[in-house]
C-alpha atoms as a PDB file:
ATOM      1  CA  MET A   1      20.227  24.366 -37.335  1.00  0.00           C
ATOM      2  CA  PRO A   2      19.647  26.053 -33.926  1.00  0.00           C
ATOM      3  CA  ALA A   3      22.972  26.374 -32.096  1.00  0.00           C
ATOM      4  CA  SER A   4      24.494  28.345 -29.243  1.00  0.00           C
ATOM      5  CA  LYS A   5      26.030  31.686 -30.146  1.00  0.00           C
ATOM      6  CA  LEU A   6      29.425  32.213 -28.508  1.00  0.00           C
ATOM      7  CA  GLY A   7      29.620  35.973 -28.723  1.00  0.00           C
ATOM      8  CA  ASP A   8      33.119  37.208 -27.915  1.00  0.00           C
ATOM      9  CA  SER A   9      34.572  33.883 -26.736  1.00  0.00           C
ATOM     10  CA  VAL A  10      38.198  33.191 -27.581  1.00  0.00           C
ATOM     11  CA  PHE A  11      36.969  29.905 -29.118  1.00  0.00           C
ATOM     12  CA  ARG A  12      34.376  31.527 -31.379  1.00  0.00           C
ATOM     13  CA  ASP A  13      36.390  31.332 -34.582  1.00  0.00           C
ATOM     14  CA  ALA A  14      37.303  27.686 -33.937  1.00  0.00           C
ATOM     15  CA  TRP A  15      33.602  26.905 -33.407  1.00  0.00           C
ATOM     16  CA  HIS A  16      32.645  28.606 -36.658  1.00  0.00           C
ATOM     17  CA  ALA A  17      35.445  26.785 -38.472  1.00  0.00           C
ATOM     18  CA  ILE A  18      34.121  23.432 -37.206  1.00  0.00           C
ATOM     19  CA  LEU A  19      30.661  24.299 -38.516  1.00  0.00           C
ATOM     20  CA  LYS A  20      32.032  25.451 -41.860  1.00  0.00           C
ATOM     21  CA  GLU A  21      34.172  22.322 -42.268  1.00  0.00           C
ATOM     22  CA  ALA A  22      31.172  20.150 -41.383  1.00  0.00           C
ATOM     23  CA  ALA A  23      28.952  22.089 -43.853  1.00  0.00           C
ATOM     24  CA  ILE A  24      26.398  22.876 -41.150  1.00  0.00           C
ATOM     25  CA  ARG A  25      24.550  26.175 -41.365  1.00  0.00           C
ATOM     26  CA  ILE A  26      23.252  27.410 -38.035  1.00  0.00           C
ATOM     27  CA  LYS A  27      20.646  29.694 -36.579  1.00  0.00           C
ATOM     28  CA  PRO A  28      22.601  31.210 -33.650  1.00  0.00           C
ATOM     29  CA  ILE A  29      20.730  31.431 -30.361  1.00  0.00           C
ATOM     30  CA  ALA A  30      21.824  34.242 -28.044  1.00  0.00           C
ATOM     31  CA  ALA A  31      20.478  33.780 -24.521  1.00  0.00           C
ATOM     32  CA  PRO A  32      21.822  33.508 -20.967  1.00  0.00           C
ATOM     33  CA  ARG A  33      23.644  30.237 -20.389  1.00  0.00           C
ATOM     34  CA  ASP A  34      21.069  28.796 -18.005  1.00  0.00           C
ATOM     35  CA  VAL A  35      18.351  29.487 -20.590  1.00  0.00           C
ATOM     36  CA  ARG A  36      20.437  27.861 -23.336  1.00  0.00           C
ATOM     37  CA  ARG A  37      20.947  24.788 -21.165  1.00  0.00           C
ATOM     38  CA  GLU A  38      17.196  24.408 -20.749  1.00  0.00           C
ATOM     39  CA  MET A  39      16.662  24.963 -24.472  1.00  0.00           C
ATOM     40  CA  PHE A  40      19.179  22.230 -25.243  1.00  0.00           C
ATOM     41  CA  VAL A  41      17.377  19.768 -22.960  1.00  0.00           C
ATOM     42  CA  ARG A  42      14.103  20.526 -24.788  1.00  0.00           C
ATOM     43  CA  GLY A  43      15.767  20.164 -28.203  1.00  0.00           C
ATOM     44  CA  LYS A  44      15.313  23.848 -29.040  1.00  0.00           C
ATOM     45  CA  ILE A  45      19.108  24.041 -29.369  1.00  0.00           C
ATOM     46  CA  VAL A  46      20.732  21.161 -31.216  1.00  0.00           C
ATOM     47  CA  LEU A  47      24.426  22.154 -31.176  1.00  0.00           C
ATOM     48  CA  ASP A  48      26.323  23.673 -28.283  1.00  0.00           C
ATOM     49  CA  CYS A  49      29.932  24.786 -28.000  1.00  0.00           C
ATOM     50  CA  CYS A  50      32.228  24.768 -26.221  1.00  0.00           C
ATOM     51  CA  SER A  51      31.628  22.356 -23.389  1.00  0.00           C
ATOM     52  CA  ALA A  52      32.860  19.444 -21.301  1.00  0.00           C
ATOM     53  CA  PRO A  53      30.975  16.543 -19.698  1.00  0.00           C
ATOM     54  CA  ALA A  54      31.870  17.787 -16.197  1.00  0.00           C
ATOM     55  CA  TRP A  55      30.082  21.073 -16.917  1.00  0.00           C
ATOM     56  CA  ARG A  56      26.886  19.483 -18.216  1.00  0.00           C
ATOM     57  CA  ASN A  57      26.273  16.740 -15.679  1.00  0.00           C
ATOM     58  CA  ARG A  58      22.618  17.150 -14.736  1.00  0.00           C
ATOM     59  CA  ALA A  59      20.517  14.036 -15.254  1.00  0.00           C
ATOM     60  CA  ASP A  60      18.220  15.751 -17.764  1.00  0.00           C
ATOM     61  CA  GLU A  61      21.242  16.871 -19.800  1.00  0.00           C
ATOM     62  CA  GLN A  62      22.944  13.479 -19.689  1.00  0.00           C
ATOM     63  CA  ALA A  63      19.772  11.905 -21.057  1.00  0.00           C
ATOM     64  CA  VAL A  64      19.802  13.958 -24.276  1.00  0.00           C
ATOM     65  CA  GLN A  65      23.421  14.897 -25.058  1.00  0.00           C
ATOM     66  CA  LEU A  66      26.194  13.457 -27.176  1.00  0.00           C
ATOM     67  CA  PHE A  67      29.763  14.797 -27.085  1.00  0.00           C
ATOM     68  CA  SER A  68      32.181  15.135 -29.956  1.00  0.00           C
ATOM     69  CA  VAL A  69      35.797  14.129 -29.874  1.00  0.00           C
ATOM     70  CA  PRO A  70      37.999  16.645 -27.990  1.00  0.00           C
ATOM     71  CA  PHE A  71      39.135  19.703 -29.911  1.00  0.00           C
ATOM     72  CA  PHE A  72      40.986  21.950 -27.420  1.00  0.00           C
ATOM     73  CA  PRO A  73      42.493  21.410 -23.930  1.00  0.00           C
ATOM     74  CA  ILE A  74      42.082  24.140 -21.320  1.00  0.00           C
ATOM     75  CA  ILE A  75      43.381  24.774 -17.828  1.00  0.00           C
ATOM     76  CA  ASP A  76      41.116  26.646 -15.446  1.00  0.00           C
ATOM     77  CA  HIS A  77      42.736  28.889 -12.848  1.00  0.00           C
ATOM     78  CA  LEU A  78      41.589  30.888  -9.894  1.00  0.00           C
ATOM     79  CA  VAL A  79      41.289  34.532 -10.927  1.00  0.00           C
ATOM     80  CA  LEU A  80      42.357  36.746  -8.036  1.00  0.00           C
ATOM     81  CA  ARG A  81      42.247  40.435  -7.215  1.00  0.00           C
ATOM     82  CA  LYS A  82      45.712  41.894  -7.700  1.00  0.00           C
ATOM     83  CA  GLY A  83      47.499  42.703  -4.455  1.00  0.00           C
ATOM     84  CA  HIS A  84      45.001  40.846  -2.251  1.00  0.00           C
ATOM     85  CA  ASP A  85      46.405  38.240   0.173  1.00  0.00           C
ATOM     86  CA  TYR A  86      44.163  35.153   0.018  1.00  0.00           C
ATOM     87  CA  LYS A  87      46.135  32.700   2.158  1.00  0.00           C
ATOM     88  CA  LEU A  88      44.550  29.698   0.457  1.00  0.00           C
ATOM     89  CA  ALA A  89      46.092  26.511   1.780  1.00  0.00           C
ATOM     90  CA  ASP A  90      44.301  24.473  -0.895  1.00  0.00           C
ATOM     91  CA  PRO A  91      43.123  26.157  -4.129  1.00  0.00           C
ATOM     92  CA  HIS A  92      40.433  23.472  -4.454  1.00  0.00           C
ATOM     93  CA  ASP A  93      38.918  24.212  -1.037  1.00  0.00           C
ATOM     94  CA  LEU A  94      37.091  27.503  -1.434  1.00  0.00           C
ATOM     95  CA  ARG A  95      34.724  27.174   1.503  1.00  0.00           C
ATOM     96  CA  GLY A  96      36.253  30.168   3.245  1.00  0.00           C
ATOM     97  CA  VAL A  97      35.813  32.640   0.377  1.00  0.00           C
ATOM     98  CA  THR A  98      33.085  34.140  -1.793  1.00  0.00           C
ATOM     99  CA  VAL A  99      33.288  32.802  -5.343  1.00  0.00           C
ATOM    100  CA  GLY A 100      31.983  34.747  -8.319  1.00  0.00           C
ATOM    101  CA  ILE A 101      30.170  32.446 -10.721  1.00  0.00           C
ATOM    102  CA  VAL A 102      28.679  32.906 -14.164  1.00  0.00           C
ATOM    103  CA  GLN A 103      24.943  32.328 -14.377  1.00  0.00           C
ATOM    104  CA  GLY A 104      24.306  28.905 -15.903  1.00  0.00           C
ATOM    105  CA  PHE A 105      27.828  27.566 -15.332  1.00  0.00           C
ATOM    106  CA  THR A 106      28.569  24.341 -13.471  1.00  0.00           C
ATOM    107  CA  TYR A 107      31.989  24.215 -11.803  1.00  0.00           C
ATOM    108  CA  PRO A 108      33.836  21.044 -10.796  1.00  0.00           C
ATOM    109  CA  GLY A 109      34.123  20.943  -7.019  1.00  0.00           C
ATOM    110  CA  GLN A 110      31.533  23.660  -6.458  1.00  0.00           C
ATOM    111  CA  ASP A 111      30.343  21.776  -3.372  1.00  0.00           C
ATOM    112  CA  ARG A 112      33.531  23.165  -1.797  1.00  0.00           C
ATOM    113  CA  PHE A 113      32.666  26.782  -2.548  1.00  0.00           C
ATOM    114  CA  GLY A 114      31.770  29.080   0.310  1.00  0.00           C
ATOM    115  CA  LYS A 115      29.351  31.859  -0.480  1.00  0.00           C
ATOM    116  CA  THR A 116      28.678  32.555  -4.148  1.00  0.00           C
ATOM    117  CA  VAL A 117      27.649  35.654  -6.052  1.00  0.00           C
ATOM    118  CA  THR A 118      26.349  35.391  -9.614  1.00  0.00           C
ATOM    119  CA  ALA A 119      26.536  37.579 -12.710  1.00  0.00           C
ATOM    120  CA  VAL A 120      25.389  37.022 -16.284  1.00  0.00           C
ATOM    121  CA  SER A 121      28.771  37.202 -18.056  1.00  0.00           C
ATOM    122  CA  MET A 122      32.404  36.421 -17.334  1.00  0.00           C
ATOM    123  CA  GLY A 123      33.282  40.108 -17.673  1.00  0.00           C
ATOM    124  CA  GLU A 124      30.685  41.022 -15.060  1.00  0.00           C
ATOM    125  CA  VAL A 125      32.016  38.333 -12.737  1.00  0.00           C
ATOM    126  CA  PHE A 126      35.525  39.756 -13.157  1.00  0.00           C
ATOM    127  CA  ASP A 127      34.094  43.121 -12.090  1.00  0.00           C
ATOM    128  CA  LEU A 128      32.613  41.509  -8.965  1.00  0.00           C
ATOM    129  CA  VAL A 129      36.121  40.383  -7.993  1.00  0.00           C
ATOM    130  CA  VAL A 130      37.620  43.819  -8.700  1.00  0.00           C
ATOM    131  CA  GLU A 131      34.901  45.466  -6.589  1.00  0.00           C
ATOM    132  CA  GLY A 132      35.477  43.034  -3.711  1.00  0.00           C
ATOM    133  CA  ARG A 133      31.951  41.618  -3.906  1.00  0.00           C
ATOM    134  CA  ALA A 134      33.569  38.278  -4.739  1.00  0.00           C
ATOM    135  CA  ASP A 135      36.971  37.151  -3.495  1.00  0.00           C
ATOM    136  CA  LEU A 136      37.807  35.262  -6.674  1.00  0.00           C
ATOM    137  CA  THR A 137      36.419  33.465  -9.695  1.00  0.00           C
ATOM    138  CA  ILE A 138      37.499  30.686 -12.033  1.00  0.00           C
ATOM    139  CA  ALA A 139      38.388  30.997 -15.726  1.00  0.00           C
ATOM    140  CA  ASN A 140      40.580  29.326 -18.302  1.00  0.00           C
ATOM    141  CA  ALA A 141      43.870  30.943 -19.199  1.00  0.00           C
ATOM    142  CA  GLN A 142      42.879  31.755 -22.795  1.00  0.00           C
ATOM    143  CA  GLU A 143      39.648  33.563 -21.883  1.00  0.00           C
ATOM    144  CA  PHE A 144      41.437  35.422 -19.093  1.00  0.00           C
ATOM    145  CA  ALA A 145      44.182  36.607 -21.455  1.00  0.00           C
ATOM    146  CA  ARG A 146      41.719  37.792 -24.094  1.00  0.00           C
ATOM    147  CA  ARG A 147      39.474  39.609 -21.642  1.00  0.00           C
ATOM    148  CA  GLN A 148      42.450  41.336 -20.035  1.00  0.00           C
ATOM    149  CA  ARG A 149      43.437  42.623 -23.464  1.00  0.00           C
ATOM    150  CA  LEU A 150      39.922  43.816 -24.190  1.00  0.00           C
ATOM    151  CA  HIS A 151      39.359  45.378 -20.782  1.00  0.00           C
ATOM    152  CA  PRO A 152      42.377  45.336 -18.437  1.00  0.00           C
ATOM    153  CA  ARG A 153      41.447  44.890 -14.797  1.00  0.00           C
ATOM    154  CA  PRO A 154      43.577  44.636 -11.626  1.00  0.00           C
ATOM    155  CA  LEU A 155      43.342  40.846 -11.665  1.00  0.00           C
ATOM    156  CA  VAL A 156      45.917  38.050 -11.795  1.00  0.00           C
ATOM    157  CA  LEU A 157      45.784  34.432 -12.878  1.00  0.00           C
ATOM    158  CA  GLY A 158      46.217  32.355  -9.744  1.00  0.00           C
ATOM    159  CA  PRO A 159      46.743  28.645  -9.029  1.00  0.00           C
ATOM    160  CA  GLU A 160      45.520  25.946 -11.372  1.00  0.00           C
ATOM    161  CA  TYR A 161      42.035  24.728 -10.492  1.00  0.00           C
ATOM    162  CA  SER A 162      41.122  22.067 -13.077  1.00  0.00           C
ATOM    163  CA  ARG A 163      41.935  20.693 -16.516  1.00  0.00           C
ATOM    164  CA  MET A 164      39.308  20.041 -19.168  1.00  0.00           C
ATOM    165  CA  VAL A 165      39.088  19.252 -22.864  1.00  0.00           C
ATOM    166  CA  LEU A 166      36.524  21.195 -24.869  1.00  0.00           C
ATOM    167  CA  ARG A 167      34.021  19.363 -27.056  1.00  0.00           C
ATOM    168  CA  VAL A 168      30.945  20.108 -29.112  1.00  0.00           C
ATOM    169  CA  ARG A 169      27.635  18.987 -27.633  1.00  0.00           C
ATOM    170  CA  VAL A 170      25.023  17.470 -29.955  1.00  0.00           C
ATOM    171  CA  HIS A 171      21.400  16.770 -29.080  1.00  0.00           C
ATOM    172  CA  LYS A 172      20.531  13.084 -29.325  1.00  0.00           C
ATOM    173  CA  SER A 173      17.707  13.913 -31.731  1.00  0.00           C
ATOM    174  CA  ARG A 174      20.379  14.570 -34.402  1.00  0.00           C
ATOM    175  CA  PRO A 175      23.040  11.871 -34.001  1.00  0.00           C
ATOM    176  CA  ASP A 176      23.777  12.189 -37.716  1.00  0.00           C
ATOM    177  CA  LEU A 177      25.514  15.503 -37.016  1.00  0.00           C
ATOM    178  CA  LEU A 178      28.037  13.979 -34.638  1.00  0.00           C
ATOM    179  CA  ALA A 179      30.018  12.089 -37.299  1.00  0.00           C
ATOM    180  CA  ARG A 180      30.219  15.227 -39.453  1.00  0.00           C
ATOM    181  CA  ILE A 181      31.449  17.313 -36.532  1.00  0.00           C
ATOM    182  CA  ASN A 182      33.990  14.693 -35.474  1.00  0.00           C
ATOM    183  CA  LYS A 183      35.329  14.520 -39.024  1.00  0.00           C
ATOM    184  CA  ALA A 184      35.553  18.304 -39.162  1.00  0.00           C
ATOM    185  CA  ILE A 185      37.410  18.471 -35.843  1.00  0.00           C
ATOM    186  CA  ALA A 186      39.882  15.842 -37.031  1.00  0.00           C
ATOM    187  CA  ALA A 187      40.605  17.833 -40.187  1.00  0.00           C
ATOM    188  CA  LEU A 188      41.006  21.128 -38.320  1.00  0.00           C
ATOM    189  CA  LYS A 189      43.323  19.587 -35.738  1.00  0.00           C
ATOM    190  CA  ALA A 190      45.396  17.803 -38.366  1.00  0.00           C
ATOM    191  CA  ASP A 191      46.346  21.001 -40.171  1.00  0.00           C
ATOM    192  CA  GLY A 192      46.583  23.161 -37.039  1.00  0.00           C
ATOM    193  CA  ARG A 193      43.655  25.442 -37.823  1.00  0.00           C
ATOM    194  CA  ILE A 194      41.995  25.163 -34.415  1.00  0.00           C
ATOM    195  CA  ASN A 195      45.161  26.235 -32.629  1.00  0.00           C
ATOM    196  CA  ALA A 196      45.831  28.968 -35.188  1.00  0.00           C
ATOM    197  CA  LEU A 197      42.326  30.439 -34.965  1.00  0.00           C
ATOM    198  CA  THR A 198      42.354  30.400 -31.171  1.00  0.00           C
ATOM    199  CA  GLY A 199      45.769  32.034 -31.159  1.00  0.00           C
ATOM    200  CA  TYR A 200      44.549  34.660 -33.623  1.00  0.00           C
ATOM    201  CA  ARG A 201      41.691  35.588 -31.300  1.00  0.00           C
ATOM    202  CA  LEU A 202      44.182  35.935 -28.450  1.00  0.00           C
ATOM    203  CA  ARG A 203      46.494  38.169 -30.457  1.00  0.00           C
ATOM    204  CA  ASP A 204      43.920  40.353 -32.232  1.00  0.00           C
ATOM    205  CA  VAL A 205      41.018  41.352 -29.998  1.00  0.00           C
ATOM    206  CA  THR A 206      39.255  43.103 -32.889  1.00  0.00           C
ATOM    207  CA  ALA A 207      39.374  40.119 -35.249  1.00  0.00           C
ATOM    208  CA  PRO A 208      36.018  39.682 -37.004  1.00  0.00           C
ATOM    209  CA  GLY A 209      36.634  35.966 -37.469  1.00  0.00           C
ATOM    210  CA  PHE A 210      33.907  34.040 -39.277  1.00  0.00           C
ATOM    211  CA  GLN A 211      31.208  36.687 -38.897  1.00  0.00           C
ATOM    212  CA  SER A 212      29.445  35.480 -42.036  1.00  0.00           C
ATOM    213  CA  LEU A 213      28.442  32.290 -40.230  1.00  0.00           C
ATOM    214  CA  GLN A 214      26.592  34.249 -37.579  1.00  0.00           C
END
């Protein structure tokens, strides 16, 4: 089953556990996020993780996507350069700053961004902020913590920006997979495995996780 490959995401092991519990074998697709979004629309990718309806709100995506039940809540924060005085009166009004964005991402409230500068990965966007090419970026607390352990940078987690709940995205051509994924999520949440696996990734940055499912 063609599915998005998460790479080094803090939610990778939880994603693989959902697939294992649902007895779904995948062919992982590694490509830039904007390419993967187009592939999903065309049905070349059938399963996508980890997402939220607010991030995948284009009309062509809405026409072909189904979302699972929630499996993990996240809080996105502004990620700021350490020691830099931003003087932001409203953390949701970013029209006066340059925002680093990840290629292929959609951000809630991005109509209130000022200038933007784009990079392929979250790590590269963090570097844009460190270098001063972007004033700030946006990331969830878990990904920020893991990336700071992997590659410490002079960055700090700033004000809360938004709250989301992560879900699995299923192409409408395979609605049969949705019930299996929802059942798997329910089982993994009931016994605490999703939280445990995510916490393990946060604590051990070298954890191989479920590599065999790759």
